[in-house]
Structures are given as C-alpha cells and as structure tokens.
PDB file of N, CA and C in Angstrom:
ATOM      1  N   MET A   1      80.074  97.755  -9.770  1.00  0.00           N
ATOM      2  CA  MET A   1      80.171  97.476 -11.196  1.00  0.00           C
ATOM      3  C   MET A   1      79.334  98.487 -11.973  1.00  0.00           C
ATOM      4  N   LYS A   2      79.761  98.762 -13.179  1.00  0.00           N
ATOM      5  CA  LYS A   2      79.119  99.767 -14.022  1.00  0.00           C
ATOM      6  C   LYS A   2      78.082  99.120 -14.935  1.00  0.00           C
ATOM      7  N   GLN A   3      77.123  99.928 -15.370  1.00  0.00           N
ATOM      8  CA  GLN A   3      76.116  99.485 -16.332  1.00  0.00           C
ATOM      9  C   GLN A   3      76.743  99.405 -17.727  1.00  0.00           C
ATOM     10  N   ILE A   4      76.128  98.593 -18.592  1.00  0.00           N
ATOM     11  CA  ILE A   4      76.592  98.490 -19.973  1.00  0.00           C
ATOM     12  C   ILE A   4      76.025  99.667 -20.757  1.00  0.00           C
ATOM     13  N   ASN A   5      76.888 100.612 -21.115  1.00  0.00           N
ATOM     14  CA  ASN A   5      76.507 101.714 -21.997  1.00  0.00           C
ATOM     15  C   ASN A   5      77.767 102.248 -22.656  1.00  0.00           C
ATOM     16  N   LYS A   6      77.560 103.048 -23.684  1.00  0.00           N
ATOM     17  CA  LYS A   6      78.678 103.548 -24.498  1.00  0.00           C
ATOM     18  C   LYS A   6      79.706 104.297 -23.656  1.00  0.00           C
ATOM     19  N   GLU A   7      79.236 105.174 -22.785  1.00  0.00           N
ATOM     20  CA  GLU A   7      80.157 105.997 -21.994  1.00  0.00           C
ATOM     21  C   GLU A   7      81.041 105.138 -21.089  1.00  0.00           C
ATOM     22  N   ASN A   8      80.449 104.137 -20.444  1.00  0.00           N
ATOM     23  CA  ASN A   8      81.238 103.271 -19.561  1.00  0.00           C
ATOM     24  C   ASN A   8      82.208 102.395 -20.346  1.00  0.00           C
ATOM     25  N   ILE A   9      81.803 101.954 -21.528  1.00  0.00           N
ATOM     26  CA  ILE A   9      82.706 101.161 -22.360  1.00  0.00           C
ATOM     27  C   ILE A   9      83.904 102.010 -22.776  1.00  0.00           C
ATOM     28  N   ILE A  10      83.654 103.247 -23.203  1.00  0.00           N
ATOM     29  CA  ILE A  10      84.752 104.135 -23.598  1.00  0.00           C
ATOM     30  C   ILE A  10      85.686 104.383 -22.417  1.00  0.00           C
ATOM     31  N   GLU A  11      85.117 104.591 -21.251  1.00  0.00           N
ATOM     32  CA  GLU A  11      85.939 104.812 -20.048  1.00  0.00           C
ATOM     33  C   GLU A  11      86.868 103.623 -19.798  1.00  0.00           C
ATOM     34  N   ILE A  12      86.353 102.417 -19.977  1.00  0.00           N
ATOM     35  CA  ILE A  12      87.168 101.209 -19.780  1.00  0.00           C
ATOM     36  C   ILE A  12      88.206 101.075 -20.901  1.00  0.00           C
ATOM     37  N   LEU A  13      87.814 101.403 -22.132  1.00  0.00           N
ATOM     38  CA  LEU A  13      88.772 101.343 -23.249  1.00  0.00           C
ATOM     39  C   LEU A  13      89.943 102.296 -23.017  1.00  0.00           C
ATOM     40  N   GLN A  14      89.717 103.360 -22.278  1.00  0.00           N
ATOM     41  CA  GLN A  14      90.788 104.306 -21.983  1.00  0.00           C
ATOM     42  C   GLN A  14      91.764 103.744 -20.948  1.00  0.00           C
ATOM     43  N   GLU A  15      91.469 102.548 -20.420  1.00  0.00           N
ATOM     44  CA  GLU A  15      92.387 101.844 -19.514  1.00  0.00           C
ATOM     45  C   GLU A  15      93.174 100.764 -20.249  1.00  0.00           C
ATOM     46  N   CYS A  16      92.894 100.572 -21.539  1.00  0.00           N
ATOM     47  CA  CYS A  16      93.555  99.550 -22.351  1.00  0.00           C
ATOM     48  C   CYS A  16      94.587 100.236 -23.240  1.00  0.00           C
ATOM     49  N   TYR A  17      95.813  99.761 -23.169  1.00  0.00           N
ATOM     50  CA  TYR A  17      96.913 100.423 -23.865  1.00  0.00           C
ATOM     51  C   TYR A  17      97.556  99.538 -24.919  1.00  0.00           C
ATOM     52  N   ASP A  18      98.061 100.181 -25.954  1.00  0.00           N
ATOM     53  CA  ASP A  18      98.942  99.525 -26.904  1.00  0.00           C
ATOM     54  C   ASP A  18     100.276  99.395 -26.170  1.00  0.00           C
ATOM     55  N   PRO A  19     100.788  98.184 -25.973  1.00  0.00           N
ATOM     56  CA  PRO A  19     102.021  98.021 -25.199  1.00  0.00           C
ATOM     57  C   PRO A  19     103.237  98.705 -25.818  1.00  0.00           C
ATOM     58  N   GLU A  20     103.163  99.029 -27.103  1.00  0.00           N
ATOM     59  CA  GLU A  20     104.303  99.646 -27.770  1.00  0.00           C
ATOM     60  C   GLU A  20     104.217 101.166 -27.832  1.00  0.00           C
ATOM     61  N   ILE A  21     103.037 101.716 -27.529  1.00  0.00           N
ATOM     62  CA  ILE A  21     102.820 103.171 -27.567  1.00  0.00           C
ATOM     63  C   ILE A  21     102.098 103.547 -26.274  1.00  0.00           C
ATOM     64  N   PRO A  22     102.578 104.524 -25.536  1.00  0.00           N
ATOM     65  CA  PRO A  22     101.994 104.823 -24.220  1.00  0.00           C
ATOM     66  C   PRO A  22     100.690 105.629 -24.279  1.00  0.00           C
ATOM     67  N   ILE A  23      99.771 105.202 -25.134  1.00  0.00           N
ATOM     68  CA  ILE A  23      98.483 105.876 -25.271  1.00  0.00           C
ATOM     69  C   ILE A  23      97.399 104.800 -25.289  1.00  0.00           C
ATOM     70  N   ASP A  24      96.268 105.111 -24.652  1.00  0.00           N
ATOM     71  CA  ASP A  24      95.184 104.132 -24.623  1.00  0.00           C
ATOM     72  C   ASP A  24      94.583 103.950 -26.023  1.00  0.00           C
ATOM     73  N   LEU A  25      93.938 102.811 -26.212  1.00  0.00           N
ATOM     74  CA  LEU A  25      93.421 102.429 -27.529  1.00  0.00           C
ATOM     75  C   LEU A  25      92.357 103.388 -28.045  1.00  0.00           C
ATOM     76  N   TRP A  26      91.552 103.954 -27.135  1.00  0.00           N
ATOM     77  CA  TRP A  26      90.512 104.888 -27.550  1.00  0.00           C
ATOM     78  C   TRP A  26      91.136 106.162 -28.127  1.00  0.00           C
ATOM     79  N   ASN A  27      92.028 106.788 -27.373  1.00  0.00           N
ATOM     80  CA  ASN A  27      92.636 108.039 -27.825  1.00  0.00           C
ATOM     81  C   ASN A  27      93.609 107.837 -28.971  1.00  0.00           C
ATOM     82  N   LEU A  28      94.102 106.629 -29.124  1.00  0.00           N
ATOM     83  CA  LEU A  28      94.967 106.320 -30.261  1.00  0.00           C
ATOM     84  C   LEU A  28      94.144 106.210 -31.547  1.00  0.00           C
ATOM     85  N   GLY A  29      92.826 106.096 -31.404  1.00  0.00           N
ATOM     86  CA  GLY A  29      91.946 106.020 -32.571  1.00  0.00           C
ATOM     87  C   GLY A  29      91.832 104.624 -33.152  1.00  0.00           C
ATOM     88  N   LEU A  30      92.159 103.614 -32.361  1.00  0.00           N
ATOM     89  CA  LEU A  30      92.122 102.239 -32.854  1.00  0.00           C
ATOM     90  C   LEU A  30      90.735 101.596 -32.755  1.00  0.00           C
ATOM     91  N   ILE A  31      89.827 102.212 -32.009  1.00  0.00           N
ATOM     92  CA  ILE A  31      88.480 101.658 -31.864  1.00  0.00           C
ATOM     93  C   ILE A  31      87.601 102.254 -32.962  1.00  0.00           C
ATOM     94  N   TYR A  32      87.127 101.397 -33.856  1.00  0.00           N
ATOM     95  CA  TYR A  32      86.323 101.850 -34.990  1.00  0.00           C
ATOM     96  C   TYR A  32      84.828 101.795 -34.700  1.00  0.00           C
ATOM     97  N   ASN A  33      84.386 100.830 -33.909  1.00  0.00           N
ATOM     98  CA  ASN A  33      82.951 100.691 -33.661  1.00  0.00           C
ATOM     99  C   ASN A  33      82.706  99.961 -32.350  1.00  0.00           C
ATOM    100  N   ILE A  34      81.627 100.367 -31.693  1.00  0.00           N
ATOM    101  CA  ILE A  34      81.146  99.690 -30.486  1.00  0.00           C
ATOM    102  C   ILE A  34      79.674  99.403 -30.723  1.00  0.00           C
ATOM    103  N   SER A  35      79.299  98.147 -30.561  1.00  0.00           N
ATOM    104  CA  SER A  35      77.905  97.752 -30.728  1.00  0.00           C
ATOM    105  C   SER A  35      77.460  97.036 -29.453  1.00  0.00           C
ATOM    106  N   ILE A  36      76.313  97.459 -28.935  1.00  0.00           N
ATOM    107  CA  ILE A  36      75.760  96.851 -27.725  1.00  0.00           C
ATOM    108  C   ILE A  36      74.395  96.279 -28.085  1.00  0.00           C
ATOM    109  N   LYS A  37      74.226  95.003 -27.822  1.00  0.00           N
ATOM    110  CA  LYS A  37      72.932  94.365 -28.043  1.00  0.00           C
ATOM    111  C   LYS A  37      72.669  93.435 -26.875  1.00  0.00           C
ATOM    112  N   ASP A  38      71.603  93.745 -26.139  1.00  0.00           N
ATOM    113  CA  ASP A  38      71.298  93.015 -24.919  1.00  0.00           C
ATOM    114  C   ASP A  38      72.517  93.090 -24.001  1.00  0.00           C
ATOM    115  N   ASN A  39      73.089  91.971 -23.638  1.00  0.00           N
ATOM    116  CA  ASN A  39      74.270  91.967 -22.768  1.00  0.00           C
ATOM    117  C   ASN A  39      75.526  91.558 -23.528  1.00  0.00           C
ATOM    118  N   ASP A  40      75.488  91.712 -24.845  1.00  0.00           N
ATOM    119  CA  ASP A  40      76.634  91.396 -25.692  1.00  0.00           C
ATOM    120  C   ASP A  40      77.265  92.691 -26.206  1.00  0.00           C
ATOM    121  N   ILE A  41      78.583  92.710 -26.249  1.00  0.00           N
ATOM    122  CA  ILE A  41      79.321  93.870 -26.741  1.00  0.00           C
ATOM    123  C   ILE A  41      80.211  93.403 -27.883  1.00  0.00           C
ATOM    124  N   ASP A  42      80.107  94.089 -29.018  1.00  0.00           N
ATOM    125  CA  ASP A  42      80.978  93.840 -30.164  1.00  0.00           C
ATOM    126  C   ASP A  42      81.807  95.083 -30.400  1.00  0.00           C
ATOM    127  N   ILE A  43      83.115  94.903 -30.502  1.00  0.00           N
ATOM    128  CA  ILE A  43      84.029  96.010 -30.753  1.00  0.00           C
ATOM    129  C   ILE A  43      84.818  95.706 -32.006  1.00  0.00           C
ATOM    130  N   THR A  44      84.875  96.686 -32.895  1.00  0.00           N
ATOM    131  CA  THR A  44      85.713  96.584 -34.082  1.00  0.00           C
ATOM    132  C   THR A  44      86.869  97.541 -33.876  1.00  0.00           C
ATOM    133  N   MET A  45      88.069  97.027 -34.032  1.00  0.00           N
ATOM    134  CA  MET A  45      89.261  97.847 -33.816  1.00  0.00           C
ATOM    135  C   MET A  45      90.297  97.535 -34.882  1.00  0.00           C
ATOM    136  N   SER A  46      91.318  98.361 -34.909  1.00  0.00           N
ATOM    137  CA  SER A  46      92.435  98.128 -35.812  1.00  0.00           C
ATOM    138  C   SER A  46      93.722  98.175 -35.006  1.00  0.00           C
ATOM    139  N   LEU A  47      94.818  98.027 -35.704  1.00  0.00           N
ATOM    140  CA  LEU A  47      96.150  98.135 -35.113  1.00  0.00           C
ATOM    141  C   LEU A  47      96.890  99.225 -35.874  1.00  0.00           C
ATOM    142  N   THR A  48      97.943  99.749 -35.287  1.00  0.00           N
ATOM    143  CA  THR A  48      98.683 100.816 -35.967  1.00  0.00           C
ATOM    144  C   THR A  48      99.354 100.316 -37.242  1.00  0.00           C
ATOM    145  N   THR A  49      99.711  99.034 -37.280  1.00  0.00           N
ATOM    146  CA  THR A  49     100.265  98.426 -38.497  1.00  0.00           C
ATOM    147  C   THR A  49      99.771  96.982 -38.599  1.00  0.00           C
ATOM    148  N   PRO A  50      99.557  96.482 -39.809  1.00  0.00           N
ATOM    149  CA  PRO A  50      99.112  95.094 -39.955  1.00  0.00           C
ATOM    150  C   PRO A  50     100.102  94.087 -39.378  1.00  0.00           C
ATOM    151  N   GLY A  51     101.362  94.441 -39.293  1.00  0.00           N
ATOM    152  CA  GLY A  51     102.374  93.525 -38.775  1.00  0.00           C
ATOM    153  C   GLY A  51     102.495  93.529 -37.263  1.00  0.00           C
ATOM    154  N   CYS A  52     101.679  94.317 -36.591  1.00  0.00           N
ATOM    155  CA  CYS A  52     101.747  94.392 -35.125  1.00  0.00           C
ATOM    156  C   CYS A  52     101.423  93.022 -34.530  1.00  0.00           C
ATOM    157  N   THR A  53     102.286  92.543 -33.661  1.00  0.00           N
ATOM    158  CA  THR A  53     102.098  91.218 -33.063  1.00  0.00           C
ATOM    159  C   THR A  53     101.309  91.264 -31.757  1.00  0.00           C
ATOM    160  N   MET A  54     100.867  92.447 -31.339  1.00  0.00           N
ATOM    161  CA  MET A  54     100.195  92.590 -30.050  1.00  0.00           C
ATOM    162  C   MET A  54      98.670  92.620 -30.163  1.00  0.00           C
ATOM    163  N   GLY A  55      98.124  92.379 -31.350  1.00  0.00           N
ATOM    164  CA  GLY A  55      96.682  92.456 -31.563  1.00  0.00           C
ATOM    165  C   GLY A  55      95.881  91.562 -30.646  1.00  0.00           C
ATOM    166  N   GLN A  56      96.271  90.307 -30.520  1.00  0.00           N
ATOM    167  CA  GLN A  56      95.527  89.375 -29.667  1.00  0.00           C
ATOM    168  C   GLN A  56      95.637  89.785 -28.202  1.00  0.00           C
ATOM    169  N   TYR A  57      96.812  90.252 -27.791  1.00  0.00           N
ATOM    170  CA  TYR A  57      97.006  90.729 -26.427  1.00  0.00           C
ATOM    171  C   TYR A  57      96.037  91.877 -26.128  1.00  0.00           C
ATOM    172  N   MET A  58      95.933  92.844 -27.051  1.00  0.00           N
ATOM    173  CA  MET A  58      95.052  93.995 -26.830  1.00  0.00           C
ATOM    174  C   MET A  58      93.587  93.573 -26.828  1.00  0.00           C
ATOM    175  N   ALA A  59      93.200  92.678 -27.736  1.00  0.00           N
ATOM    176  CA  ALA A  59      91.823  92.189 -27.777  1.00  0.00           C
ATOM    177  C   ALA A  59      91.471  91.466 -26.476  1.00  0.00           C
ATOM    178  N   ASP A  60      92.360  90.636 -25.990  1.00  0.00           N
ATOM    179  CA  ASP A  60      92.124  89.920 -24.723  1.00  0.00           C
ATOM    180  C   ASP A  60      92.039  90.879 -23.549  1.00  0.00           C
ATOM    181  N   ASP A  61      92.858  91.922 -23.557  1.00  0.00           N
ATOM    182  CA  ASP A  61      92.832  92.930 -22.494  1.00  0.00           C
ATOM    183  C   ASP A  61      91.480  93.648 -22.479  1.00  0.00           C
ATOM    184  N   ILE A  62      90.982  94.013 -23.657  1.00  0.00           N
ATOM    185  CA  ILE A  62      89.670  94.659 -23.752  1.00  0.00           C
ATOM    186  C   ILE A  62      88.595  93.744 -23.193  1.00  0.00           C
ATOM    187  N   LYS A  63      88.579  92.495 -23.641  1.00  0.00           N
ATOM    188  CA  LYS A  63      87.563  91.540 -23.197  1.00  0.00           C
ATOM    189  C   LYS A  63      87.576  91.387 -21.684  1.00  0.00           C
ATOM    190  N   SER A  64      88.744  91.149 -21.110  1.00  0.00           N
ATOM    191  CA  SER A  64      88.799  90.893 -19.668  1.00  0.00           C
ATOM    192  C   SER A  64      88.379  92.115 -18.862  1.00  0.00           C
ATOM    193  N   LYS A  65      88.786  93.304 -19.278  1.00  0.00           N
ATOM    194  CA  LYS A  65      88.423  94.507 -18.530  1.00  0.00           C
ATOM    195  C   LYS A  65      86.924  94.797 -18.623  1.00  0.00           C
ATOM    196  N   LEU A  66      86.326  94.614 -19.796  1.00  0.00           N
ATOM    197  CA  LEU A  66      84.892  94.850 -19.926  1.00  0.00           C
ATOM    198  C   LEU A  66      84.098  93.856 -19.089  1.00  0.00           C
ATOM    199  N   ILE A  67      84.491  92.592 -19.124  1.00  0.00           N
ATOM    200  CA  ILE A  67      83.779  91.568 -18.351  1.00  0.00           C
ATOM    201  C   ILE A  67      83.931  91.811 -16.850  1.00  0.00           C
ATOM    202  N   GLU A  68      85.122  92.218 -16.417  1.00  0.00           N
ATOM    203  CA  GLU A  68      85.367  92.464 -14.994  1.00  0.00           C
ATOM    204  C   GLU A  68      84.644  93.697 -14.465  1.00  0.00           C
ATOM    205  N   GLN A  69      84.497  94.730 -15.303  1.00  0.00           N
ATOM    206  CA  GLN A  69      84.026  96.017 -14.791  1.00  0.00           C
ATOM    207  C   GLN A  69      82.578  96.370 -15.122  1.00  0.00           C
ATOM    208  N   LEU A  70      81.929  95.631 -16.011  1.00  0.00           N
ATOM    209  CA  LEU A  70      80.547  95.931 -16.369  1.00  0.00           C
ATOM    210  C   LEU A  70      79.605  94.869 -15.851  1.00  0.00           C
ATOM    211  N   LYS A  71      78.419  95.289 -15.415  1.00  0.00           N
ATOM    212  CA  LYS A  71      77.405  94.372 -14.905  1.00  0.00           C
ATOM    213  C   LYS A  71      76.793  93.549 -16.031  1.00  0.00           C
ATOM    214  N   ASN A  72      76.625  92.277 -15.778  1.00  0.00           N
ATOM    215  CA  ASN A  72      75.819  91.389 -16.619  1.00  0.00           C
ATOM    216  C   ASN A  72      76.289  91.238 -18.063  1.00  0.00           C
ATOM    217  N   VAL A  73      77.570  91.418 -18.333  1.00  0.00           N
ATOM    218  CA  VAL A  73      78.063  91.199 -19.696  1.00  0.00           C
ATOM    219  C   VAL A  73      78.040  89.705 -19.980  1.00  0.00           C
ATOM    220  N   LYS A  74      77.399  89.341 -21.089  1.00  0.00           N
ATOM    221  CA  LYS A  74      77.355  87.933 -21.459  1.00  0.00           C
ATOM    222  C   LYS A  74      78.523  87.577 -22.372  1.00  0.00           C
ATOM    223  N   ASN A  75      78.710  88.351 -23.439  1.00  0.00           N
ATOM    224  CA  ASN A  75      79.770  88.081 -24.405  1.00  0.00           C
ATOM    225  C   ASN A  75      80.441  89.377 -24.839  1.00  0.00           C
ATOM    226  N   VAL A  76      81.738  89.302 -25.056  1.00  0.00           N
ATOM    227  CA  VAL A  76      82.486  90.405 -25.651  1.00  0.00           C
ATOM    228  C   VAL A  76      83.234  89.838 -26.842  1.00  0.00           C
ATOM    229  N   ASN A  77      82.992  90.429 -28.011  1.00  0.00           N
ATOM    230  CA  ASN A  77      83.686  90.019 -29.220  1.00  0.00           C
ATOM    231  C   ASN A  77      84.509  91.208 -29.699  1.00  0.00           C
ATOM    232  N   VAL A  78      85.792  90.994 -29.916  1.00  0.00           N
ATOM    233  CA  VAL A  78      86.664  92.038 -30.441  1.00  0.00           C
ATOM    234  C   VAL A  78      87.183  91.567 -31.791  1.00  0.00           C
ATOM    235  N   GLU A  79      86.825  92.315 -32.830  1.00  0.00           N
ATOM    236  CA  GLU A  79      87.268  91.984 -34.185  1.00  0.00           C
ATOM    237  C   GLU A  79      88.339  92.984 -34.602  1.00  0.00           C
ATOM    238  N   VAL A  80      89.481  92.471 -35.057  1.00  0.00           N
ATOM    239  CA  VAL A  80      90.568  93.316 -35.540  1.00  0.00           C
ATOM    240  C   VAL A  80      90.472  93.374 -37.066  1.00  0.00           C
ATOM    241  N   VAL A  81      90.376  94.603 -37.598  1.00  0.00           N
ATOM    242  CA  VAL A  81      90.264  94.807 -39.042  1.00  0.00           C
ATOM    243  C   VAL A  81      91.362  95.772 -39.499  1.00  0.00           C
ATOM    244  N   PHE A  82      91.606  95.780 -40.787  1.00  0.00           N
ATOM    245  CA  PHE A  82      92.605  96.693 -41.347  1.00  0.00           C
ATOM    246  C   PHE A  82      92.030  97.564 -42.460  1.00  0.00           C
ATOM    247  N   ASP A  83      90.716  97.603 -42.563  1.00  0.00           N
ATOM    248  CA  ASP A  83      90.061  98.449 -43.539  1.00  0.00           C
ATOM    249  C   ASP A  83      88.986  99.249 -42.831  1.00  0.00           C
ATOM    250  N   PRO A  84      89.134 100.535 -42.701  1.00  0.00           N
ATOM    251  CA  PRO A  84      90.208 101.336 -43.273  1.00  0.00           C
ATOM    252  C   PRO A  84      91.490 101.199 -42.464  1.00  0.00           C
ATOM    253  N   PRO A  85      92.625 101.391 -43.109  1.00  0.00           N
ATOM    254  CA  PRO A  85      93.883 101.331 -42.370  1.00  0.00           C
ATOM    255  C   PRO A  85      93.968 102.484 -41.374  1.00  0.00           C
ATOM    256  N   TRP A  86      94.560 102.211 -40.237  1.00  0.00           N
ATOM    257  CA  TRP A  86      94.736 103.253 -39.224  1.00  0.00           C
ATOM    258  C   TRP A  86      95.701 104.312 -39.746  1.00  0.00           C
ATOM    259  N   ARG A  87      95.387 105.570 -39.419  1.00  0.00           N
ATOM    260  CA  ARG A  87      96.254 106.707 -39.743  1.00  0.00           C
ATOM    261  C   ARG A  87      96.378 107.574 -38.500  1.00  0.00           C
ATOM    262  N   PRO A  88      97.480 108.276 -38.327  1.00  0.00           N
ATOM    263  CA  PRO A  88      97.641 109.132 -37.147  1.00  0.00           C
ATOM    264  C   PRO A  88      96.532 110.170 -37.008  1.00  0.00           C
ATOM    265  N   GLU A  89      95.910 110.560 -38.105  1.00  0.00           N
ATOM    266  CA  GLU A  89      94.816 111.528 -38.043  1.00  0.00           C
ATOM    267  C   GLU A  89      93.601 110.990 -37.291  1.00  0.00           C
ATOM    268  N   MET A  90      93.560 109.687 -37.054  1.00  0.00           N
ATOM    269  CA  MET A  90      92.434 109.080 -36.347  1.00  0.00           C
ATOM    270  C   MET A  90      92.525 109.269 -34.831  1.00  0.00           C
ATOM    271  N   MET A  91      93.664 109.702 -34.356  1.00  0.00           N
ATOM    272  CA  MET A  91      93.819 109.922 -32.917  1.00  0.00           C
ATOM    273  C   MET A  91      92.947 111.081 -32.453  1.00  0.00           C
ATOM    274  N   THR A  92      92.515 111.017 -31.203  1.00  0.00           N
ATOM    275  CA  THR A  92      91.829 112.154 -30.605  1.00  0.00           C
ATOM    276  C   THR A  92      92.866 113.240 -30.336  1.00  0.00           C
ATOM    277  N   ASP A  93      92.408 114.429 -30.045  1.00  0.00           N
ATOM    278  CA  ASP A  93      93.344 115.508 -29.722  1.00  0.00           C
ATOM    279  C   ASP A  93      94.158 115.156 -28.478  1.00  0.00           C
ATOM    280  N   GLU A  94      93.543 114.458 -27.530  1.00  0.00           N
ATOM    281  CA  GLU A  94      94.285 114.034 -26.333  1.00  0.00           C
ATOM    282  C   GLU A  94      95.427 113.093 -26.711  1.00  0.00           C
ATOM    283  N   GLY A  95      95.153 112.138 -27.598  1.00  0.00           N
ATOM    284  CA  GLY A  95      96.189 111.218 -28.060  1.00  0.00           C
ATOM    285  C   GLY A  95      97.283 111.940 -28.827  1.00  0.00           C
ATOM    286  N   ARG A  96      96.881 112.875 -29.680  1.00  0.00           N
ATOM    287  CA  ARG A  96      97.854 113.644 -30.456  1.00  0.00           C
ATOM    288  C   ARG A  96      98.763 114.435 -29.519  1.00  0.00           C
ATOM    289  N   LYS A  97      98.172 115.031 -28.495  1.00  0.00           N
ATOM    290  CA  LYS A  97      98.948 115.829 -27.536  1.00  0.00           C
ATOM    291  C   LYS A  97      99.975 114.955 -26.815  1.00  0.00           C
ATOM    292  N   LYS A  98      99.559 113.749 -26.402  1.00  0.00           N
ATOM    293  CA  LYS A  98     100.466 112.850 -25.680  1.00  0.00           C
ATOM    294  C   LYS A  98     101.665 112.433 -26.526  1.00  0.00           C
ATOM    295  N   LEU A  99     101.476 112.394 -27.852  1.00  0.00           N
ATOM    296  CA  LEU A  99     102.573 112.013 -28.744  1.00  0.00           C
ATOM    297  C   LEU A  99     103.316 113.224 -29.308  1.00  0.00           C
ATOM    298  N   GLY A 100     102.900 114.418 -28.892  1.00  0.00           N
ATOM    299  CA  GLY A 100     103.601 115.614 -29.322  1.00  0.00           C
ATOM    300  C   GLY A 100     103.121 116.188 -30.643  1.00  0.00           C
ATOM    301  N   PHE A 101     101.967 115.719 -31.156  1.00  0.00           N
ATOM    302  CA  PHE A 101     101.394 116.263 -32.388  1.00  0.00           C
ATOM    303  C   PHE A 101     100.531 117.471 -32.055  1.00  0.00           C
ATOM    304  N   SER A 102     100.350 118.344 -33.028  1.00  0.00           N
ATOM    305  CA  SER A 102      99.422 119.465 -32.874  1.00  0.00           C
ATOM    306  C   SER A 102      97.999 118.938 -32.881  1.00  0.00           C
ATOM    307  N   PRO A 103      97.091 119.654 -32.205  1.00  0.00           N
ATOM    308  CA  PRO A 103      95.682 119.236 -32.258  1.00  0.00           C
ATOM    309  C   PRO A 103      95.175 119.252 -33.692  1.00  0.00           C
ATOM    310  N   SER A 104      94.223 118.407 -33.954  1.00  0.00           N
ATOM    311  CA  SER A 104      93.630 118.303 -35.280  1.00  0.00           C
ATOM    312  C   SER A 104      92.767 119.524 -35.550  1.00  0.00           C
ATOM    313  N   ASN A 105      92.635 119.885 -36.819  1.00  0.00           N
ATOM    314  CA  ASN A 105      91.714 120.954 -37.202  1.00  0.00           C
ATOM    315  C   ASN A 105      90.287 120.452 -37.265  1.00  0.00           C
ATOM    316  N   GLU A 106      90.130 119.130 -37.325  1.00  0.00           N
ATOM    317  CA  GLU A 106      88.812 118.519 -37.386  1.00  0.00           C
ATOM    318  C   GLU A 106      88.442 118.005 -36.013  1.00  0.00           C
ATOM    319  N   SER A 107      87.146 117.887 -35.765  1.00  0.00           N
ATOM    320  CA  SER A 107      86.689 117.266 -34.522  1.00  0.00           C
ATOM    321  C   SER A 107      86.814 115.765 -34.689  1.00  0.00           C
ATOM    322  N   ASN A 108      87.699 115.154 -33.931  1.00  0.00           N
ATOM    323  CA  ASN A 108      87.920 113.710 -34.024  1.00  0.00           C
ATOM    324  C   ASN A 108      87.861 113.112 -32.635  1.00  0.00           C
ATOM    325  N   ASP A 109      86.854 113.515 -31.895  1.00  0.00           N
ATOM    326  CA  ASP A 109      86.706 113.110 -30.506  1.00  0.00           C
ATOM    327  C   ASP A 109      86.266 111.655 -30.369  1.00  0.00           C
ATOM    328  N   ASN A 110      85.678 111.085 -31.400  1.00  0.00           N
ATOM    329  CA  ASN A 110      85.151 109.713 -31.421  1.00  0.00           C
ATOM    330  C   ASN A 110      83.887 109.557 -30.613  1.00  0.00           C
ATOM    331  N   THR A 111      83.576 110.448 -29.680  1.00  0.00           N
ATOM    332  CA  THR A 111      82.374 110.267 -28.857  1.00  0.00           C
ATOM    333  C   THR A 111      81.114 110.625 -29.607  1.00  0.00           C
ATOM    334  N   ASP A 112      81.199 111.311 -30.757  1.00  0.00           N
ATOM    335  CA  ASP A 112      80.006 111.692 -31.478  1.00  0.00           C
ATOM    336  C   ASP A 112      79.579 110.658 -32.523  1.00  0.00           C
ATOM    337  N   LYS A 113      80.226 109.506 -32.546  1.00  0.00           N
ATOM    338  CA  LYS A 113      79.833 108.457 -33.480  1.00  0.00           C
ATOM    339  C   LYS A 113      78.479 107.887 -33.084  1.00  0.00           C
ATOM    340  N   ASP A 114      77.716 107.484 -34.063  1.00  0.00           N
ATOM    341  CA  ASP A 114      76.429 106.855 -33.806  1.00  0.00           C
ATOM    342  C   ASP A 114      76.679 105.372 -33.580  1.00  0.00           C
ATOM    343  N   TRP A 115      76.844 104.976 -32.329  1.00  0.00           N
ATOM    344  CA  TRP A 115      77.253 103.615 -31.983  1.00  0.00           C
ATOM    345  C   TRP A 115      76.135 102.602 -32.122  1.00  0.00           C
ATOM    346  N   GLU A 116      74.918 103.026 -31.866  1.00  0.00           N
ATOM    347  CA  GLU A 116      73.851 102.020 -31.816  1.00  0.00           C
ATOM    348  C   GLU A 116      72.803 102.275 -32.856  1.00  0.00           C
TER     349      GLU A 116
END
C-alpha cells in the first residue's frame, strides 16, 4: 500500500476514468483541488457538463480506489462543483493529445498547484 501524499493520490486519480470519455479524470482536468489533513482526503472536482449523469459513479470510483490503495486513509470526501465550469483548456497536454487536440501554449500540468 502507498503512503498518503499528493503524488500517490494523483497516480491513483490517473486510474479513474470518465466512462463517456476515454481519458482519466486527472488529465481531463476535472480535479480542481486535493486537500490532505491527517488521514482524511478531500477532493474537489467537476464534470465536463452539469447534466452529466456519471458524477456519483466517478466520485465513488475515486473514493474506493483511494481507500483500497493508500495506507491508513480514514475518510475520503469528493465534492462535485461547477464553478468554475470545466473547459477543454483545463486538460493536461497528455489529455489533449489523447483527444487529438494540440498541446496547450500554457503550462497546465496540474502538478504545480499548491495543494496543501
């Protein structure tokens, strides 16, 4: 089992997919924030559209994978928000490449966010 840290959480998020788009949630740019406090993990995410019916499925998938793969996780909370609304520009270059978009001119790797 892995330790609770940002890098391991991102690695696990890259195993969670939007069932309607063949790209993981991290590279799709749907993960807005990761907060770690003690053994609790809070994730703020969005959906590609407010009408997406798979939000609860994706949130449950995140929760189960984090609990299964990380040591000593006490609680995982996944909050789905729509502000700011998701835009294709939020995808990482890897996500853009998988969907056939050109790489972004901006650095949108998501790993440089100040998570804690």
